[in-house]
Amino acid sequence: MRSSRFPARALGTTVVALLVITTAAAALTGPADGPPPRPRVSADVVEVAVTPAKLTAAAGDEVTFAVQIEIAPTWHLYDHSYVHDPESFYIGIDLMPGEGADLAGYQATFPVGKAGEFMGEPVVMLYGKAAIEVTARLPASATGEVTIPLVLTVQACDDKICLQPSDIALTAVVAVP
């Protein structure tokens, strides 16, 4: 009877190949319980919500709601005052009506930041939780459910770096009886 060593060799090569692939995959993905990946853009460390979630107002009435902002620990945003400073390198928090918003008298009241320091320079920052109060008048012709598109601009920084700024799209929903 003839014996062949090929099947045993092929099996050994297959086992080695599987071990190499498994080891490479583990190295690329890292341990399952390891640290989360480093954020890349500001939206990665900022959570937002419109409150109340559902509003009710008559056509032509003024509506008031808040945009709640939660900034991840160790990160901060820059005060809205930087929006109005053309000499500043900092991008201040801003909230504007989005494309297609039909609002009269739009007004946003921004939270006041706290004095701090970034890379040795004095700055005004927001930490933790903050809220932007919004007031606007619905169109007189509004009926049914009106959506108000909004865009929140933020730039998050920690004590070493600033992330790429983000424009975060939000929607306030108003039921018009």
N, C-alpha and C. Protein backbone atom coordinates (compact mmCIF):
# COMPACT_ATOMS: atom_id res chain seq x y z
N MET A 1 0.83 -1.15 0.00
CA MET A 1 0.00 0.00 0.00
C MET A 1 0.89 1.23 0.00
N ARG A 2 0.51 2.14 -0.80
CA ARG A 2 1.29 3.35 -0.96
C ARG A 2 0.83 4.42 0.02
N SER A 3 1.74 5.04 0.70
CA SER A 3 1.34 6.12 1.62
C SER A 3 1.74 7.46 1.01
N SER A 4 0.89 8.42 1.22
CA SER A 4 1.15 9.75 0.69
C SER A 4 1.25 10.74 1.84
N ARG A 5 2.26 11.57 1.78
CA ARG A 5 2.43 12.56 2.85
C ARG A 5 1.76 13.88 2.48
N PHE A 6 1.27 14.00 1.24
CA PHE A 6 0.65 15.23 0.80
C PHE A 6 -0.55 15.63 1.65
N PRO A 7 -1.49 14.76 1.94
CA PRO A 7 -2.65 15.20 2.72
C PRO A 7 -2.23 15.72 4.10
N ALA A 8 -1.27 15.10 4.74
CA ALA A 8 -0.85 15.57 6.05
C ALA A 8 -0.17 16.94 5.93
N ARG A 9 0.65 17.11 4.92
CA ARG A 9 1.33 18.38 4.71
C ARG A 9 0.30 19.47 4.39
N ALA A 10 -0.68 19.18 3.56
CA ALA A 10 -1.72 20.16 3.21
C ALA A 10 -2.51 20.56 4.46
N LEU A 11 -2.79 19.58 5.29
CA LEU A 11 -3.51 19.88 6.53
C LEU A 11 -2.68 20.78 7.43
N GLY A 12 -1.42 20.52 7.55
CA GLY A 12 -0.54 21.34 8.38
C GLY A 12 -0.44 22.77 7.83
N THR A 13 -0.34 22.92 6.52
CA THR A 13 -0.29 24.25 5.90
C THR A 13 -1.58 25.00 6.14
N THR A 14 -2.69 24.31 6.06
CA THR A 14 -4.00 24.94 6.29
C THR A 14 -4.11 25.43 7.73
N VAL A 15 -3.67 24.63 8.68
CA VAL A 15 -3.72 25.02 10.10
C VAL A 15 -2.85 26.24 10.34
N VAL A 16 -1.66 26.26 9.78
CA VAL A 16 -0.76 27.40 9.94
C VAL A 16 -1.40 28.65 9.32
N ALA A 17 -1.98 28.52 8.14
CA ALA A 17 -2.61 29.67 7.47
C ALA A 17 -3.76 30.21 8.32
N LEU A 18 -4.56 29.33 8.89
CA LEU A 18 -5.67 29.78 9.74
C LEU A 18 -5.16 30.50 10.98
N LEU A 19 -4.10 30.02 11.58
CA LEU A 19 -3.51 30.69 12.74
C LEU A 19 -3.01 32.08 12.38
N VAL A 20 -2.36 32.21 11.23
CA VAL A 20 -1.85 33.51 10.79
C VAL A 20 -3.00 34.48 10.55
N ILE A 21 -4.06 34.02 9.89
CA ILE A 21 -5.21 34.88 9.60
C ILE A 21 -5.89 35.30 10.90
N THR A 22 -6.08 34.38 11.83
CA THR A 22 -6.73 34.69 13.11
C THR A 22 -5.90 35.68 13.90
N THR A 23 -4.59 35.49 13.94
CA THR A 23 -3.71 36.40 14.66
C THR A 23 -3.73 37.79 14.03
N ALA A 24 -3.70 37.87 12.71
CA ALA A 24 -3.73 39.16 12.02
C ALA A 24 -5.05 39.88 12.28
N ALA A 25 -6.15 39.16 12.23
CA ALA A 25 -7.46 39.77 12.49
C ALA A 25 -7.54 40.31 13.91
N ALA A 26 -7.03 39.57 14.86
CA ALA A 26 -7.04 40.03 16.26
C ALA A 26 -6.17 41.27 16.42
N ALA A 27 -5.05 41.31 15.73
CA ALA A 27 -4.16 42.47 15.83
C ALA A 27 -4.81 43.71 15.23
N LEU A 28 -5.54 43.54 14.13
CA LEU A 28 -6.19 44.68 13.49
C LEU A 28 -7.38 45.21 14.29
N THR A 29 -8.16 44.33 14.86
CA THR A 29 -9.37 44.77 15.58
C THR A 29 -9.09 45.11 17.02
N GLY A 30 -8.03 44.58 17.59
CA GLY A 30 -7.71 44.86 18.99
C GLY A 30 -8.59 44.04 19.91
N PRO A 31 -8.32 44.11 21.19
CA PRO A 31 -9.10 43.34 22.14
C PRO A 31 -10.53 43.89 22.23
N ALA A 32 -11.49 43.01 22.44
CA ALA A 32 -12.90 43.40 22.50
C ALA A 32 -13.16 44.35 23.65
N ASP A 33 -12.43 44.23 24.74
CA ASP A 33 -12.68 45.07 25.90
C ASP A 33 -11.68 46.22 26.02
N GLY A 34 -10.96 46.51 24.94
CA GLY A 34 -9.97 47.58 24.96
C GLY A 34 -10.63 48.95 24.91
N PRO A 35 -9.82 49.99 24.92
CA PRO A 35 -10.37 51.35 24.90
C PRO A 35 -11.10 51.63 23.59
N PRO A 36 -12.11 52.49 23.64
CA PRO A 36 -12.82 52.82 22.40
C PRO A 36 -11.90 53.60 21.47
N PRO A 37 -12.21 53.61 20.20
CA PRO A 37 -11.35 54.34 19.27
C PRO A 37 -11.39 55.84 19.57
N ARG A 38 -10.31 56.54 19.29
CA ARG A 38 -10.22 57.98 19.52
C ARG A 38 -11.20 58.69 18.59
N PRO A 39 -11.95 59.65 19.13
CA PRO A 39 -12.89 60.39 18.28
C PRO A 39 -12.16 61.13 17.16
N ARG A 40 -12.82 61.28 16.02
CA ARG A 40 -12.20 61.93 14.87
C ARG A 40 -12.81 63.29 14.57
N VAL A 41 -14.13 63.43 14.82
CA VAL A 41 -14.82 64.70 14.56
C VAL A 41 -15.58 65.10 15.82
N SER A 42 -15.90 66.37 15.92
CA SER A 42 -16.54 66.90 17.12
C SER A 42 -17.88 66.22 17.43
N ALA A 43 -18.62 65.82 16.41
CA ALA A 43 -19.90 65.15 16.64
C ALA A 43 -19.73 63.83 17.40
N ASP A 44 -18.52 63.26 17.39
CA ASP A 44 -18.27 62.01 18.11
C ASP A 44 -18.33 62.18 19.62
N VAL A 45 -18.19 63.41 20.12
CA VAL A 45 -18.15 63.63 21.57
C VAL A 45 -19.25 64.57 22.06
N VAL A 46 -20.21 64.86 21.18
CA VAL A 46 -21.31 65.77 21.52
C VAL A 46 -22.63 65.09 21.19
N GLU A 47 -23.52 65.02 22.19
CA GLU A 47 -24.87 64.50 21.96
C GLU A 47 -25.85 65.65 22.07
N VAL A 48 -26.87 65.66 21.20
CA VAL A 48 -27.84 66.74 21.20
C VAL A 48 -29.26 66.20 21.11
N ALA A 49 -30.20 66.97 21.65
CA ALA A 49 -31.61 66.62 21.58
C ALA A 49 -32.44 67.88 21.68
N VAL A 50 -33.57 67.90 20.99
CA VAL A 50 -34.52 69.00 21.08
C VAL A 50 -35.53 68.66 22.16
N THR A 51 -35.79 69.61 23.08
CA THR A 51 -36.79 69.39 24.12
C THR A 51 -37.72 70.59 24.20
N PRO A 52 -39.00 70.37 24.37
CA PRO A 52 -39.63 69.07 24.36
C PRO A 52 -39.56 68.44 22.96
N ALA A 53 -39.67 67.12 22.92
CA ALA A 53 -39.54 66.40 21.66
C ALA A 53 -40.67 66.76 20.70
N LYS A 54 -41.87 67.00 21.20
CA LYS A 54 -43.01 67.41 20.37
C LYS A 54 -43.58 68.70 20.94
N LEU A 55 -43.75 69.66 20.07
CA LEU A 55 -44.32 70.94 20.45
C LEU A 55 -45.70 71.08 19.81
N THR A 56 -46.53 71.91 20.41
CA THR A 56 -47.83 72.23 19.83
C THR A 56 -47.99 73.74 19.82
N ALA A 57 -48.40 74.28 18.68
CA ALA A 57 -48.62 75.72 18.55
C ALA A 57 -49.56 75.97 17.39
N ALA A 58 -50.28 77.07 17.46
CA ALA A 58 -51.17 77.46 16.37
C ALA A 58 -50.35 78.14 15.27
N ALA A 59 -50.89 78.13 14.07
CA ALA A 59 -50.25 78.81 12.96
C ALA A 59 -50.02 80.27 13.33
N GLY A 60 -48.85 80.77 13.04
CA GLY A 60 -48.50 82.16 13.34
C GLY A 60 -48.06 82.41 14.76
N ASP A 61 -48.15 81.41 15.63
CA ASP A 61 -47.74 81.56 17.03
C ASP A 61 -46.23 81.43 17.19
N GLU A 62 -45.77 81.92 18.31
CA GLU A 62 -44.37 81.79 18.68
C GLU A 62 -44.17 80.43 19.37
N VAL A 63 -43.08 79.77 19.04
CA VAL A 63 -42.73 78.51 19.71
C VAL A 63 -41.40 78.70 20.43
N THR A 64 -41.27 78.03 21.56
CA THR A 64 -40.03 78.07 22.32
C THR A 64 -39.64 76.63 22.66
N PHE A 65 -38.39 76.32 22.44
CA PHE A 65 -37.87 75.00 22.78
C PHE A 65 -36.39 75.13 23.09
N ALA A 66 -35.79 74.05 23.52
CA ALA A 66 -34.36 74.06 23.86
C ALA A 66 -33.62 72.99 23.07
N VAL A 67 -32.38 73.27 22.76
CA VAL A 67 -31.48 72.27 22.21
C VAL A 67 -30.54 71.90 23.35
N GLN A 68 -30.70 70.67 23.85
CA GLN A 68 -29.89 70.18 24.96
C GLN A 68 -28.59 69.59 24.40
N ILE A 69 -27.49 69.96 25.00
CA ILE A 69 -26.17 69.53 24.54
C ILE A 69 -25.47 68.82 25.68
N GLU A 70 -24.92 67.65 25.39
CA GLU A 70 -24.12 66.93 26.38
C GLU A 70 -22.74 66.67 25.77
N ILE A 71 -21.73 67.22 26.42
CA ILE A 71 -20.36 67.12 25.96
C ILE A 71 -19.67 66.02 26.76
N ALA A 72 -19.02 65.11 26.07
CA ALA A 72 -18.35 63.98 26.74
C ALA A 72 -17.31 64.48 27.74
N PRO A 73 -17.08 63.72 28.82
CA PRO A 73 -16.06 64.09 29.80
C PRO A 73 -14.70 64.29 29.12
N THR A 74 -13.94 65.21 29.64
CA THR A 74 -12.59 65.62 29.19
C THR A 74 -12.62 66.51 27.95
N TRP A 75 -13.78 66.73 27.35
CA TRP A 75 -13.89 67.56 26.16
C TRP A 75 -14.60 68.87 26.50
N HIS A 76 -14.38 69.89 25.68
CA HIS A 76 -15.09 71.16 25.84
C HIS A 76 -15.42 71.73 24.47
N LEU A 77 -16.38 72.66 24.47
CA LEU A 77 -16.74 73.43 23.28
C LEU A 77 -16.38 74.89 23.57
N TYR A 78 -16.35 75.69 22.53
CA TYR A 78 -16.06 77.11 22.72
C TYR A 78 -17.35 77.93 22.73
N ASP A 79 -17.35 78.94 23.58
CA ASP A 79 -18.47 79.83 23.78
C ASP A 79 -18.93 80.45 22.45
N HIS A 80 -20.22 80.76 22.38
CA HIS A 80 -20.80 81.37 21.18
C HIS A 80 -20.15 82.70 20.82
N SER A 81 -19.58 83.40 21.78
CA SER A 81 -18.98 84.71 21.52
C SER A 81 -17.89 84.64 20.45
N TYR A 82 -17.25 83.50 20.25
CA TYR A 82 -16.21 83.37 19.23
C TYR A 82 -16.77 83.46 17.82
N VAL A 83 -18.07 83.20 17.65
CA VAL A 83 -18.71 83.30 16.34
C VAL A 83 -18.59 84.74 15.82
N HIS A 84 -18.64 85.70 16.72
CA HIS A 84 -18.64 87.11 16.35
C HIS A 84 -17.24 87.74 16.38
N ASP A 85 -16.20 86.92 16.57
CA ASP A 85 -14.84 87.44 16.66
C ASP A 85 -14.04 87.00 15.43
N PRO A 86 -13.92 87.88 14.43
CA PRO A 86 -13.22 87.49 13.20
C PRO A 86 -11.73 87.22 13.39
N GLU A 87 -11.16 87.65 14.50
CA GLU A 87 -9.74 87.45 14.77
C GLU A 87 -9.46 86.12 15.47
N SER A 88 -10.49 85.44 15.93
CA SER A 88 -10.32 84.22 16.71
C SER A 88 -10.08 83.00 15.82
N PHE A 89 -9.23 82.12 16.32
CA PHE A 89 -9.02 80.83 15.66
C PHE A 89 -9.99 79.78 16.18
N TYR A 90 -10.74 80.10 17.24
CA TYR A 90 -11.66 79.15 17.86
C TYR A 90 -13.01 79.21 17.17
N ILE A 91 -13.63 78.05 17.06
CA ILE A 91 -14.95 77.97 16.44
C ILE A 91 -15.97 77.87 17.56
N GLY A 92 -16.72 78.94 17.73
CA GLY A 92 -17.73 78.98 18.79
C GLY A 92 -18.97 78.20 18.42
N ILE A 93 -19.66 77.71 19.44
CA ILE A 93 -20.90 76.97 19.24
C ILE A 93 -21.92 77.90 18.57
N ASP A 94 -22.67 77.37 17.60
CA ASP A 94 -23.66 78.19 16.90
C ASP A 94 -24.84 77.30 16.51
N LEU A 95 -26.01 77.90 16.45
CA LEU A 95 -27.22 77.18 16.05
C LEU A 95 -27.98 78.07 15.09
N MET A 96 -28.20 77.56 13.89
CA MET A 96 -28.89 78.33 12.85
C MET A 96 -30.03 77.50 12.27
N PRO A 97 -31.06 78.19 11.75
CA PRO A 97 -32.10 77.45 11.04
C PRO A 97 -31.48 76.74 9.84
N GLY A 98 -31.94 75.53 9.58
CA GLY A 98 -31.42 74.78 8.45
C GLY A 98 -32.11 75.17 7.16
N GLU A 99 -31.65 74.55 6.09
CA GLU A 99 -32.21 74.83 4.77
C GLU A 99 -33.71 74.54 4.75
N GLY A 100 -34.47 75.48 4.25
CA GLY A 100 -35.92 75.30 4.14
C GLY A 100 -36.71 75.72 5.37
N ALA A 101 -36.04 76.18 6.42
CA ALA A 101 -36.75 76.63 7.62
C ALA A 101 -37.50 77.91 7.30
N ASP A 102 -38.79 77.92 7.60
CA ASP A 102 -39.62 79.09 7.35
C ASP A 102 -40.02 79.67 8.69
N LEU A 103 -39.14 80.48 9.26
CA LEU A 103 -39.34 81.03 10.60
C LEU A 103 -39.17 82.54 10.57
N ALA A 104 -40.00 83.21 11.32
CA ALA A 104 -39.83 84.65 11.50
C ALA A 104 -39.34 84.87 12.93
N GLY A 105 -38.53 85.86 13.13
CA GLY A 105 -38.09 86.21 14.47
C GLY A 105 -37.27 85.14 15.16
N TYR A 106 -36.54 84.33 14.40
CA TYR A 106 -35.69 83.29 15.00
C TYR A 106 -34.69 83.95 15.94
N GLN A 107 -34.63 83.41 17.15
CA GLN A 107 -33.66 83.91 18.13
C GLN A 107 -33.16 82.75 18.97
N ALA A 108 -31.85 82.66 19.12
CA ALA A 108 -31.24 81.62 19.97
C ALA A 108 -30.48 82.30 21.09
N THR A 109 -30.70 81.82 22.31
CA THR A 109 -29.98 82.33 23.47
C THR A 109 -29.01 81.24 23.91
N PHE A 110 -27.73 81.57 23.85
CA PHE A 110 -26.68 80.58 24.10
C PHE A 110 -26.24 80.58 25.56
N PRO A 111 -25.81 79.41 26.04
CA PRO A 111 -25.29 79.34 27.41
C PRO A 111 -23.99 80.14 27.51
N VAL A 112 -23.73 80.65 28.69
CA VAL A 112 -22.50 81.41 28.93
C VAL A 112 -21.42 80.42 29.37
N GLY A 113 -20.29 80.48 28.70
CA GLY A 113 -19.19 79.57 29.03
C GLY A 113 -18.42 80.03 30.26
N LYS A 114 -17.46 79.23 30.63
CA LYS A 114 -16.61 79.52 31.79
C LYS A 114 -15.20 79.81 31.31
N ALA A 115 -14.54 80.73 32.00
CA ALA A 115 -13.17 81.06 31.65
C ALA A 115 -12.27 79.85 31.89
N GLY A 116 -11.37 79.63 30.97
CA GLY A 116 -10.44 78.51 31.09
C GLY A 116 -9.20 78.81 30.28
N GLU A 117 -8.44 77.75 30.02
CA GLU A 117 -7.19 77.92 29.29
C GLU A 117 -7.04 76.75 28.32
N PHE A 118 -6.61 77.05 27.10
CA PHE A 118 -6.30 76.01 26.12
C PHE A 118 -4.94 76.33 25.53
N MET A 119 -4.00 75.42 25.70
CA MET A 119 -2.64 75.56 25.18
C MET A 119 -2.01 76.90 25.63
N GLY A 120 -2.25 77.25 26.90
CA GLY A 120 -1.66 78.44 27.47
C GLY A 120 -2.39 79.74 27.16
N GLU A 121 -3.48 79.66 26.43
CA GLU A 121 -4.21 80.86 26.06
C GLU A 121 -5.56 80.91 26.78
N PRO A 122 -5.96 82.07 27.32
CA PRO A 122 -7.27 82.15 27.98
C PRO A 122 -8.39 82.04 26.95
N VAL A 123 -9.39 81.22 27.28
CA VAL A 123 -10.55 81.02 26.40
C VAL A 123 -11.81 80.88 27.26
N VAL A 124 -12.96 80.93 26.61
CA VAL A 124 -14.24 80.74 27.28
C VAL A 124 -14.84 79.45 26.73
N MET A 125 -15.12 78.48 27.63
CA MET A 125 -15.49 77.14 27.21
C MET A 125 -16.79 76.66 27.86
N LEU A 126 -17.39 75.66 27.23
CA LEU A 126 -18.56 74.97 27.76
C LEU A 126 -18.16 73.53 28.07
N TYR A 127 -18.58 73.03 29.22
CA TYR A 127 -18.30 71.65 29.64
C TYR A 127 -19.60 70.96 30.00
N GLY A 128 -19.61 69.64 29.96
CA GLY A 128 -20.74 68.87 30.48
C GLY A 128 -22.03 69.10 29.72
N LYS A 129 -23.04 69.61 30.42
CA LYS A 129 -24.36 69.82 29.81
C LYS A 129 -24.63 71.31 29.66
N ALA A 130 -25.28 71.65 28.57
CA ALA A 130 -25.65 73.03 28.30
C ALA A 130 -26.93 73.02 27.47
N ALA A 131 -27.60 74.16 27.40
CA ALA A 131 -28.82 74.26 26.60
C ALA A 131 -28.86 75.58 25.86
N ILE A 132 -29.35 75.52 24.64
CA ILE A 132 -29.59 76.72 23.84
C ILE A 132 -31.10 76.90 23.78
N GLU A 133 -31.59 78.04 24.20
CA GLU A 133 -33.02 78.34 24.17
C GLU A 133 -33.34 78.98 22.81
N VAL A 134 -34.38 78.47 22.15
CA VAL A 134 -34.75 78.95 20.82
C VAL A 134 -36.18 79.46 20.84
N THR A 135 -36.40 80.60 20.19
CA THR A 135 -37.74 81.16 20.02
C THR A 135 -37.89 81.52 18.55
N ALA A 136 -39.05 81.20 17.98
CA ALA A 136 -39.32 81.55 16.58
C ALA A 136 -40.83 81.58 16.37
N ARG A 137 -41.26 82.24 15.33
CA ARG A 137 -42.68 82.32 14.99
C ARG A 137 -42.95 81.42 13.79
N LEU A 138 -43.99 80.60 13.93
CA LEU A 138 -44.39 79.73 12.81
C LEU A 138 -45.05 80.57 11.73
N PRO A 139 -45.00 80.10 10.50
CA PRO A 139 -45.71 80.82 9.44
C PRO A 139 -47.23 80.80 9.70
N ALA A 140 -47.92 81.85 9.28
CA ALA A 140 -49.38 81.93 9.46
C ALA A 140 -50.09 80.84 8.68
N SER A 141 -49.44 80.31 7.66
CA SER A 141 -50.06 79.27 6.83
C SER A 141 -49.73 77.84 7.31
N ALA A 142 -49.05 77.70 8.42
CA ALA A 142 -48.62 76.37 8.90
C ALA A 142 -49.83 75.50 9.25
N THR A 143 -49.76 74.23 8.84
CA THR A 143 -50.80 73.26 9.18
C THR A 143 -50.15 71.90 9.41
N GLY A 144 -50.86 71.05 10.15
CA GLY A 144 -50.38 69.69 10.37
C GLY A 144 -49.13 69.65 11.22
N GLU A 145 -48.16 68.87 10.77
CA GLU A 145 -46.90 68.74 11.50
C GLU A 145 -45.83 69.55 10.78
N VAL A 146 -45.27 70.51 11.47
CA VAL A 146 -44.24 71.37 10.89
C VAL A 146 -42.89 70.94 11.44
N THR A 147 -41.95 70.70 10.55
CA THR A 147 -40.58 70.37 10.99
C THR A 147 -39.71 71.60 10.82
N ILE A 148 -38.92 71.87 11.83
CA ILE A 148 -38.01 73.01 11.81
C ILE A 148 -36.59 72.46 11.77
N PRO A 149 -35.95 72.54 10.61
CA PRO A 149 -34.57 72.05 10.53
C PRO A 149 -33.61 73.05 11.18
N LEU A 150 -32.65 72.52 11.90
CA LEU A 150 -31.63 73.33 12.58
C LEU A 150 -30.26 72.72 12.33
N VAL A 151 -29.23 73.54 12.42
CA VAL A 151 -27.85 73.05 12.28
C VAL A 151 -27.04 73.61 13.44
N LEU A 152 -26.49 72.71 14.25
CA LEU A 152 -25.64 73.07 15.37
C LEU A 152 -24.19 72.90 14.94
N THR A 153 -23.41 73.97 15.03
CA THR A 153 -21.98 73.92 14.69
C THR A 153 -21.19 73.87 15.99
N VAL A 154 -20.29 72.89 16.09
CA VAL A 154 -19.46 72.72 17.28
C VAL A 154 -18.04 72.36 16.89
N GLN A 155 -17.11 72.72 17.77
CA GLN A 155 -15.75 72.20 17.68
C GLN A 155 -15.34 71.79 19.09
N ALA A 156 -15.06 70.51 19.24
CA ALA A 156 -14.68 69.97 20.55
C ALA A 156 -13.16 69.84 20.65
N CYS A 157 -12.67 70.18 21.85
CA CYS A 157 -11.24 70.06 22.13
C CYS A 157 -11.07 69.41 23.50
N ASP A 158 -9.95 68.72 23.69
CA ASP A 158 -9.59 68.28 25.03
C ASP A 158 -8.37 69.11 25.44
N ASP A 159 -7.57 68.63 26.36
CA ASP A 159 -6.43 69.44 26.82
C ASP A 159 -5.24 69.41 25.86
N LYS A 160 -5.35 68.62 24.76
CA LYS A 160 -4.22 68.50 23.84
C LYS A 160 -4.56 68.85 22.39
N ILE A 161 -5.75 68.50 21.96
CA ILE A 161 -6.09 68.66 20.54
C ILE A 161 -7.52 69.16 20.37
N CYS A 162 -7.79 69.65 19.17
CA CYS A 162 -9.16 69.98 18.77
C CYS A 162 -9.54 69.03 17.65
N LEU A 163 -10.76 68.55 17.70
CA LEU A 163 -11.29 67.68 16.66
C LEU A 163 -11.80 68.53 15.50
N GLN A 164 -11.97 67.89 14.36
CA GLN A 164 -12.55 68.58 13.21
C GLN A 164 -13.94 69.09 13.60
N PRO A 165 -14.29 70.33 13.24
CA PRO A 165 -15.62 70.86 13.56
C PRO A 165 -16.71 70.01 12.91
N SER A 166 -17.91 70.05 13.50
CA SER A 166 -19.05 69.31 12.96
C SER A 166 -20.26 70.22 12.87
N ASP A 167 -21.05 70.02 11.83
CA ASP A 167 -22.38 70.60 11.71
C ASP A 167 -23.36 69.47 11.96
N ILE A 168 -24.09 69.56 13.06
CA ILE A 168 -25.00 68.50 13.47
C ILE A 168 -26.42 68.92 13.12
N ALA A 169 -27.09 68.13 12.29
CA ALA A 169 -28.46 68.44 11.87
C ALA A 169 -29.44 67.99 12.95
N LEU A 170 -30.39 68.86 13.26
CA LEU A 170 -31.44 68.59 14.25
C LEU A 170 -32.79 68.97 13.65
N THR A 171 -33.85 68.46 14.23
CA THR A 171 -35.18 68.84 13.78
C THR A 171 -36.09 69.02 14.98
N ALA A 172 -36.75 70.18 15.04
CA ALA A 172 -37.80 70.40 16.03
C ALA A 172 -39.11 70.12 15.31
N VAL A 173 -40.03 69.43 16.00
CA VAL A 173 -41.32 69.08 15.38
C VAL A 173 -42.43 69.79 16.13
N VAL A 174 -43.27 70.52 15.37
CA VAL A 174 -44.37 71.27 15.95
C VAL A 174 -45.68 70.79 15.35
N ALA A 175 -46.61 70.36 16.22
CA ALA A 175 -47.95 69.97 15.77
C ALA A 175 -48.80 71.24 15.73
N VAL A 176 -49.40 71.51 14.56
CA VAL A 176 -50.24 72.69 14.40
C VAL A 176 -51.68 72.20 14.24
N PRO A 177 -52.53 72.43 15.26
CA PRO A 177 -53.92 71.93 15.18
C PRO A 177 -54.73 72.61 14.10
